[in-house]
Amino acid sequence: MKPFSITYVVHPHFNIPCRYEIQADNEVESIKYAEKALKVRHPEGVSIVTSHLMAA
């Protein structure tokens, strides 16, 4: 598992980027896991902007 940094925005506040860190095997899985976790945290909805592998 590798550390990824996810940048997302919460609906309807699209002008305020937020950051979420997650462990995943690859970038696609990091986005999938982040969407699932953020759906619980922000039921109003989120949009993933970027996913980056963090330096070790």
N, C-alpha and C. Protein backbone atom coordinates (compact mmCIF):
# COMPACT_ATOMS: atom_id res chain seq x y z
N MET A 1 0.85 -1.19 0.00
CA MET A 1 0.00 0.00 0.00
C MET A 1 0.89 1.25 0.00
N LYS A 2 0.45 2.24 -0.73
CA LYS A 2 1.20 3.49 -0.87
C LYS A 2 0.33 4.66 -0.39
N PRO A 3 0.97 5.71 0.11
CA PRO A 3 0.19 6.87 0.57
C PRO A 3 -0.19 7.80 -0.59
N PHE A 4 -1.46 8.17 -0.66
CA PHE A 4 -1.95 9.10 -1.67
C PHE A 4 -2.58 10.30 -0.99
N SER A 5 -2.42 11.45 -1.63
CA SER A 5 -3.06 12.68 -1.18
C SER A 5 -4.17 13.01 -2.17
N ILE A 6 -5.39 13.13 -1.66
CA ILE A 6 -6.55 13.42 -2.49
C ILE A 6 -6.97 14.87 -2.25
N THR A 7 -7.16 15.62 -3.32
CA THR A 7 -7.71 16.97 -3.22
C THR A 7 -9.15 16.89 -3.72
N TYR A 8 -10.07 17.44 -2.92
CA TYR A 8 -11.48 17.38 -3.29
C TYR A 8 -12.19 18.66 -2.88
N VAL A 9 -13.38 18.86 -3.42
CA VAL A 9 -14.23 19.98 -3.02
C VAL A 9 -15.58 19.43 -2.57
N VAL A 10 -16.19 20.11 -1.62
CA VAL A 10 -17.48 19.71 -1.08
C VAL A 10 -18.56 20.52 -1.78
N HIS A 11 -19.65 19.86 -2.18
CA HIS A 11 -20.77 20.55 -2.82
C HIS A 11 -21.52 21.34 -1.75
N PRO A 12 -21.93 22.54 -1.96
CA PRO A 12 -21.78 23.38 -3.15
C PRO A 12 -20.60 24.35 -3.05
N HIS A 13 -19.66 24.11 -2.16
CA HIS A 13 -18.54 25.03 -1.92
C HIS A 13 -17.35 24.65 -2.80
N PHE A 14 -17.52 24.78 -4.11
CA PHE A 14 -16.50 24.34 -5.06
C PHE A 14 -15.22 25.17 -5.02
N ASN A 15 -15.24 26.32 -4.36
CA ASN A 15 -14.06 27.18 -4.33
C ASN A 15 -13.15 26.91 -3.13
N ILE A 16 -13.47 25.93 -2.31
CA ILE A 16 -12.66 25.63 -1.12
C ILE A 16 -12.10 24.20 -1.24
N PRO A 17 -10.86 24.06 -1.70
CA PRO A 17 -10.28 22.72 -1.82
C PRO A 17 -9.93 22.13 -0.45
N CYS A 18 -10.17 20.84 -0.30
CA CYS A 18 -9.84 20.12 0.92
C CYS A 18 -8.88 18.99 0.57
N ARG A 19 -8.19 18.48 1.60
CA ARG A 19 -7.22 17.42 1.37
C ARG A 19 -7.55 16.22 2.25
N TYR A 20 -7.33 15.04 1.67
CA TYR A 20 -7.60 13.78 2.37
C TYR A 20 -6.46 12.83 2.04
N GLU A 21 -5.91 12.17 3.03
CA GLU A 21 -4.82 11.22 2.81
C GLU A 21 -5.33 9.81 3.01
N ILE A 22 -4.90 8.90 2.12
CA ILE A 22 -5.41 7.54 2.14
C ILE A 22 -4.32 6.59 1.66
N GLN A 23 -4.39 5.34 2.09
CA GLN A 23 -3.47 4.30 1.66
C GLN A 23 -4.17 3.45 0.60
N ALA A 24 -3.49 3.20 -0.53
CA ALA A 24 -4.08 2.37 -1.59
C ALA A 24 -2.95 1.77 -2.42
N ASP A 25 -3.30 0.75 -3.21
CA ASP A 25 -2.31 0.09 -4.06
C ASP A 25 -1.97 0.90 -5.31
N ASN A 26 -2.95 1.68 -5.82
CA ASN A 26 -2.71 2.48 -7.01
C ASN A 26 -3.64 3.69 -7.01
N GLU A 27 -3.46 4.56 -8.01
CA GLU A 27 -4.22 5.82 -8.05
C GLU A 27 -5.72 5.59 -8.23
N VAL A 28 -6.09 4.63 -9.07
CA VAL A 28 -7.51 4.35 -9.30
C VAL A 28 -8.18 3.89 -8.01
N GLU A 29 -7.53 2.99 -7.28
CA GLU A 29 -8.09 2.53 -6.01
C GLU A 29 -8.13 3.65 -4.98
N SER A 30 -7.13 4.54 -4.99
CA SER A 30 -7.13 5.65 -4.03
C SER A 30 -8.35 6.53 -4.22
N ILE A 31 -8.73 6.77 -5.47
CA ILE A 31 -9.91 7.59 -5.75
C ILE A 31 -11.17 6.85 -5.32
N LYS A 32 -11.24 5.55 -5.63
CA LYS A 32 -12.41 4.76 -5.27
C LYS A 32 -12.60 4.73 -3.76
N TYR A 33 -11.52 4.46 -3.01
CA TYR A 33 -11.61 4.40 -1.55
C TYR A 33 -11.93 5.77 -0.95
N ALA A 34 -11.34 6.82 -1.52
CA ALA A 34 -11.59 8.17 -1.02
C ALA A 34 -13.05 8.57 -1.23
N GLU A 35 -13.60 8.26 -2.41
CA GLU A 35 -15.01 8.58 -2.66
C GLU A 35 -15.92 7.90 -1.66
N LYS A 36 -15.62 6.64 -1.35
CA LYS A 36 -16.44 5.89 -0.40
C LYS A 36 -16.35 6.51 1.00
N ALA A 37 -15.12 6.82 1.45
CA ALA A 37 -14.93 7.39 2.78
C ALA A 37 -15.50 8.80 2.88
N LEU A 38 -15.32 9.59 1.84
CA LEU A 38 -15.79 10.97 1.88
C LEU A 38 -17.31 11.06 1.76
N LYS A 39 -17.94 10.05 1.18
CA LYS A 39 -19.40 10.02 1.09
C LYS A 39 -20.02 9.96 2.49
N VAL A 40 -19.35 9.27 3.40
CA VAL A 40 -19.81 9.19 4.79
C VAL A 40 -19.57 10.52 5.50
N ARG A 41 -18.41 11.09 5.27
CA ARG A 41 -18.04 12.35 5.93
C ARG A 41 -18.83 13.54 5.40
N HIS A 42 -19.11 13.55 4.10
CA HIS A 42 -19.80 14.67 3.45
C HIS A 42 -20.98 14.13 2.62
N PRO A 43 -22.11 13.82 3.27
CA PRO A 43 -23.25 13.26 2.52
C PRO A 43 -23.82 14.22 1.47
N GLU A 44 -23.49 15.51 1.58
CA GLU A 44 -23.98 16.47 0.59
C GLU A 44 -23.29 16.29 -0.76
N GLY A 45 -22.19 15.56 -0.79
CA GLY A 45 -21.49 15.24 -2.04
C GLY A 45 -20.13 15.90 -2.14
N VAL A 46 -19.22 15.23 -2.83
CA VAL A 46 -17.88 15.76 -3.07
C VAL A 46 -17.49 15.48 -4.52
N SER A 47 -16.52 16.24 -4.99
CA SER A 47 -15.90 15.99 -6.29
C SER A 47 -14.41 15.86 -6.08
N ILE A 48 -13.82 14.76 -6.54
CA ILE A 48 -12.39 14.56 -6.45
C ILE A 48 -11.73 15.41 -7.53
N VAL A 49 -10.72 16.20 -7.15
CA VAL A 49 -10.03 17.05 -8.11
C VAL A 49 -8.74 16.35 -8.56
N THR A 50 -7.92 15.90 -7.62
CA THR A 50 -6.67 15.24 -7.96
C THR A 50 -6.36 14.12 -6.96
N SER A 51 -5.50 13.21 -7.41
CA SER A 51 -4.95 12.17 -6.55
C SER A 51 -3.46 12.07 -6.87
N HIS A 52 -2.63 12.25 -5.85
CA HIS A 52 -1.18 12.22 -6.05
C HIS A 52 -0.53 11.24 -5.09
N LEU A 53 0.43 10.49 -5.60
CA LEU A 53 1.23 9.62 -4.77
C LEU A 53 2.15 10.51 -3.95
N MET A 54 2.14 10.32 -2.64
CA MET A 54 2.97 11.14 -1.75
C MET A 54 4.38 10.58 -1.68
N ALA A 55 5.35 11.45 -1.52
CA ALA A 55 6.74 11.02 -1.37
C ALA A 55 6.91 10.26 -0.07
N ALA A 56 7.70 9.23 -0.11
CA ALA A 56 7.91 8.40 1.09
C ALA A 56 8.83 9.04 2.07
